[in-house]
Amino acid sequence: MLALAAVMSMTAQVRELPAPSFQGGMPMNEVMAKRHSVREFDPNREISDSTLGQLLWMAVGINRPDAEPGRFGVPANRCNPTALNWQEIRVFVFDRNGVWEYLPKEHALSLAKEGDHRALIAGTKEFAQDFVLNAPMSIVFVGDMTKLPEDDRTQAMVLVDAGIACENLNLACVSEGIATVPRATMDTAGISKLRVNGFFRWMEKMSRV
């Protein structure tokens, strides 16, 4: 979950983000020394499109655009490694205006669902972390298992891949001066009911386990 405040226009279904920077940023040793979780957020802080795009690119973006297709016909070109280069981790941004999916190839945000659904990220009626409601934006990582085997090992690897992408984001936030805390508590059943392109099916499955 990220403490971001981004003003998103609902007039366009796809929002292009400024090109990310491949150089510069905070030195890695300093990033590691400063990494820590934050649970107090400024809901009025606004983050520029370039900063938001930089965070998403560092999490799951394409860092080798000229890479050739690999063993399974897909270029190994992401900032986040995945098992067998599945590239199954997809990223959704929840803000006051809607739910947006990050498109790595286009480096853009696609409007997936209108409306403010951030309360679903705070938790359920039985248990919630209310400090999340002060964050104007949350970023959710979801494993797309529609083309993967449905076995325990595959699910375990997808969870590992999601954790890698999440840590990429945590470190990116440190570099960009953004407060963040990684979380797993959320209303998975409620999120699955959003039916974002039929994509939260695995979350629905998880909520019934």
Protein backbone atom coordinates (compact mmCIF):
# COMPACT_ATOMS: atom_id res chain seq x y z
CA MET A 1 0.00 0.00 0.00
CA LEU A 2 1.41 3.34 -1.05
CA ALA A 3 0.91 6.78 0.33
CA LEU A 4 0.39 8.55 -2.96
CA ALA A 5 -1.93 11.30 -4.00
CA ALA A 6 -2.38 11.50 -7.74
CA VAL A 7 -5.01 13.54 -9.54
CA MET A 8 -6.37 11.20 -12.19
CA SER A 9 -8.63 12.42 -14.99
CA MET A 10 -11.62 10.22 -15.71
CA THR A 11 -12.02 11.65 -19.21
CA ALA A 12 -9.63 9.11 -20.75
CA GLN A 13 -9.65 5.33 -20.45
CA VAL A 14 -5.88 5.17 -20.90
CA ARG A 15 -3.49 7.60 -19.22
CA GLU A 16 0.01 7.74 -20.65
CA LEU A 17 2.82 8.26 -18.15
CA PRO A 18 6.04 10.21 -18.78
CA ALA A 19 9.00 8.05 -19.80
CA PRO A 20 10.89 6.67 -16.79
CA SER A 21 14.49 7.55 -16.03
CA PHE A 22 16.98 4.71 -16.52
CA GLN A 23 19.76 6.60 -14.71
CA GLY A 24 20.26 8.57 -11.51
CA GLY A 25 18.29 8.14 -8.32
CA MET A 26 19.46 7.52 -4.78
CA PRO A 27 22.50 5.21 -4.38
CA MET A 28 21.47 1.64 -3.49
CA ASN A 29 23.39 1.58 -0.20
CA GLU A 30 21.53 4.70 0.91
CA VAL A 31 18.20 3.25 -0.21
CA MET A 32 18.77 0.11 1.86
CA ALA A 33 19.86 2.14 4.89
CA LYS A 34 16.74 4.31 4.75
CA ARG A 35 14.14 1.62 3.97
CA HIS A 36 11.41 1.43 6.63
CA SER A 37 7.65 1.08 6.81
CA VAL A 38 5.46 4.14 7.42
CA ARG A 39 1.88 4.08 8.68
CA GLU A 40 1.15 7.81 8.81
CA PHE A 41 0.22 9.48 5.53
CA ASP A 42 -0.61 12.90 4.15
CA PRO A 43 -3.85 12.46 2.14
CA ASN A 44 -3.36 15.89 0.55
CA ARG A 45 0.04 15.20 -0.94
CA GLU A 46 0.08 15.10 -4.71
CA ILE A 47 2.54 13.02 -6.68
CA SER A 48 3.47 13.97 -10.21
CA ASP A 49 2.79 11.63 -13.10
CA SER A 50 6.53 11.30 -13.65
CA THR A 51 7.07 10.11 -10.05
CA LEU A 52 4.15 7.68 -10.17
CA GLY A 53 5.37 6.34 -13.49
CA GLN A 54 8.89 5.96 -12.12
CA LEU A 55 7.59 3.93 -9.16
CA LEU A 56 5.52 1.61 -11.34
CA TRP A 57 8.35 1.16 -13.81
CA MET A 58 10.82 0.28 -11.03
CA ALA A 59 8.30 -2.22 -9.67
CA VAL A 60 7.30 -4.14 -12.82
CA GLY A 61 8.30 -2.05 -15.81
CA ILE A 62 10.30 -2.93 -18.93
CA ASN A 63 14.02 -2.19 -18.51
CA ARG A 64 15.33 -3.90 -21.67
CA PRO A 65 12.99 -2.84 -24.49
CA ASP A 66 15.22 -4.42 -27.16
CA ALA A 67 15.41 -7.87 -25.52
CA GLU A 68 14.81 -10.81 -27.83
CA PRO A 69 12.17 -13.48 -27.08
CA GLY A 70 13.54 -16.12 -24.74
CA ARG A 71 12.93 -19.81 -24.09
CA PHE A 72 9.14 -19.47 -23.91
CA GLY A 73 8.78 -16.88 -26.64
CA VAL A 74 8.55 -13.89 -24.29
CA PRO A 75 11.40 -11.37 -23.85
CA ALA A 76 12.98 -11.38 -20.38
CA ASN A 77 12.80 -7.62 -20.08
CA ARG A 78 11.15 -6.70 -16.77
CA CYS A 79 12.55 -4.93 -13.71
CA ASN A 80 10.98 -7.74 -11.66
CA PRO A 81 12.13 -11.32 -12.27
CA THR A 82 9.45 -14.01 -12.29
CA ALA A 83 9.55 -17.81 -12.23
CA LEU A 84 10.21 -19.15 -15.75
CA ASN A 85 9.68 -15.57 -16.97
CA TRP A 86 5.90 -16.00 -16.51
CA GLN A 87 5.44 -12.21 -16.13
CA GLU A 88 2.19 -13.02 -14.34
CA ILE A 89 2.29 -10.16 -11.84
CA ARG A 90 -0.13 -7.38 -12.69
CA VAL A 91 -0.45 -4.10 -10.85
CA PHE A 92 -3.58 -2.13 -9.97
CA VAL A 93 -3.67 1.40 -8.58
CA PHE A 94 -6.61 2.23 -6.31
CA ASP A 95 -7.30 5.95 -5.89
CA ARG A 96 -10.27 8.22 -5.22
CA ASN A 97 -11.38 8.13 -8.85
CA GLY A 98 -11.16 4.46 -9.67
CA VAL A 99 -9.03 1.38 -10.16
CA TRP A 100 -6.29 1.62 -12.78
CA GLU A 101 -4.18 -1.15 -14.26
CA TYR A 102 -0.54 -0.40 -15.07
CA LEU A 103 0.39 -1.47 -18.59
CA PRO A 104 4.18 -2.09 -18.72
CA LYS A 105 4.44 -2.27 -22.52
CA GLU A 106 2.67 1.06 -22.97
CA HIS A 107 3.94 2.54 -19.68
CA ALA A 108 0.41 3.80 -19.10
CA LEU A 109 -2.55 3.45 -16.75
CA SER A 110 -5.78 1.93 -18.02
CA LEU A 111 -9.02 2.71 -16.20
CA ALA A 112 -10.38 -0.65 -15.05
CA LYS A 113 -13.18 0.40 -12.67
CA GLU A 114 -14.66 3.77 -11.82
CA GLY A 115 -15.37 4.81 -8.24
CA ASP A 116 -13.49 4.98 -4.95
CA HIS A 117 -12.78 1.42 -3.78
CA ARG A 118 -9.88 2.16 -1.45
CA ALA A 119 -11.79 0.96 1.62
CA LEU A 120 -11.47 -2.59 0.28
CA ILE A 121 -7.70 -2.32 0.74
CA ALA A 122 -8.04 -1.44 4.44
CA GLY A 123 -9.50 -4.84 5.34
CA THR A 124 -12.85 -6.37 6.27
CA LYS A 125 -15.55 -5.65 8.84
CA GLU A 126 -13.94 -8.23 11.10
CA PHE A 127 -10.43 -6.75 10.88
CA ALA A 128 -9.21 -3.59 9.25
CA GLN A 129 -6.18 -1.32 9.42
CA ASP A 130 -7.81 2.09 9.42
CA PHE A 131 -4.58 4.00 8.79
CA VAL A 132 -4.87 2.81 5.19
CA LEU A 133 -7.87 5.11 4.73
CA ASN A 134 -5.55 8.11 5.16
CA ALA A 135 -3.50 7.06 2.16
CA PRO A 136 -4.97 8.55 -1.02
CA MET A 137 -3.65 5.67 -3.13
CA SER A 138 -2.91 1.98 -2.75
CA ILE A 139 -1.10 -0.28 -5.20
CA VAL A 140 -2.15 -3.94 -5.36
CA PHE A 141 -0.13 -6.77 -6.88
CA VAL A 142 -2.15 -9.66 -8.30
CA GLY A 143 -0.91 -12.93 -9.78
CA ASP A 144 -2.61 -13.76 -13.08
CA MET A 145 -2.86 -17.57 -12.97
CA THR A 146 -5.24 -17.93 -15.90
CA LYS A 147 -2.49 -19.49 -18.04
CA LEU A 148 -0.57 -21.27 -15.29
CA PRO A 149 -0.92 -24.73 -13.71
CA GLU A 150 -3.22 -24.83 -10.70
CA ASP A 151 -0.96 -26.61 -8.24
CA ASP A 152 0.57 -25.69 -4.88
CA ARG A 153 4.08 -25.12 -6.20
CA THR A 154 2.89 -22.73 -8.88
CA GLN A 155 0.85 -20.76 -6.36
CA ALA A 156 3.87 -20.58 -4.06
CA MET A 157 6.06 -19.23 -6.86
CA VAL A 158 3.44 -16.65 -7.79
CA LEU A 159 3.47 -15.42 -4.19
CA VAL A 160 7.27 -15.18 -4.35
CA ASP A 161 7.04 -13.21 -7.59
CA ALA A 162 4.51 -10.82 -6.04
CA GLY A 163 6.85 -10.31 -3.09
CA ILE A 164 9.72 -9.45 -5.43
CA ALA A 165 7.64 -6.83 -7.23
CA CYS A 166 6.45 -5.43 -3.92
CA GLU A 167 10.01 -5.05 -2.64
CA ASN A 168 10.97 -3.33 -5.89
CA LEU A 169 8.22 -0.85 -5.16
CA ASN A 170 9.28 -0.40 -1.53
CA LEU A 171 12.83 0.45 -2.57
CA ALA A 172 11.60 2.71 -5.37
CA CYS A 173 9.53 4.65 -2.85
CA VAL A 174 12.59 5.21 -0.68
CA SER A 175 14.50 6.51 -3.67
CA GLU A 176 11.66 8.86 -4.63
CA GLY A 177 10.91 10.03 -1.07
CA ILE A 178 7.47 8.40 -0.84
CA ALA A 179 6.04 6.87 2.36
CA THR A 180 4.88 3.26 2.03
CA VAL A 181 4.18 0.06 3.94
CA PRO A 182 3.73 -3.44 2.45
CA ARG A 183 0.49 -5.13 3.51
CA ALA A 184 -1.52 -8.28 2.89
CA THR A 185 -4.71 -7.51 4.84
CA MET A 186 -7.52 -6.56 2.47
CA ASP A 187 -11.06 -7.52 1.54
CA THR A 188 -10.21 -10.09 -1.14
CA ALA A 189 -13.85 -11.14 -1.51
CA GLY A 190 -14.92 -7.53 -2.01
CA ILE A 191 -12.14 -6.89 -4.50
CA SER A 192 -13.07 -9.98 -6.49
CA LYS A 193 -16.62 -8.63 -6.83
CA LEU A 194 -15.28 -5.63 -8.72
CA ARG A 195 -14.95 -7.99 -11.70
CA VAL A 196 -12.15 -5.95 -13.22
CA ASN A 197 -11.96 -7.59 -16.65
CA GLY A 198 -12.73 -10.84 -14.86
CA PHE A 199 -9.22 -10.62 -13.49
CA PHE A 200 -9.60 -10.95 -9.73
CA ARG A 201 -10.61 -14.61 -10.06
CA TRP A 202 -7.59 -15.80 -8.11
CA MET A 203 -8.37 -13.36 -5.32
CA GLU A 204 -11.88 -14.79 -5.23
CA LYS A 205 -10.42 -18.27 -4.99
CA MET A 206 -8.09 -17.19 -2.19
CA SER A 207 -10.98 -15.63 -0.26
CA ARG A 208 -12.77 -18.99 -0.20
CA VAL A 209 -9.78 -21.04 1.00
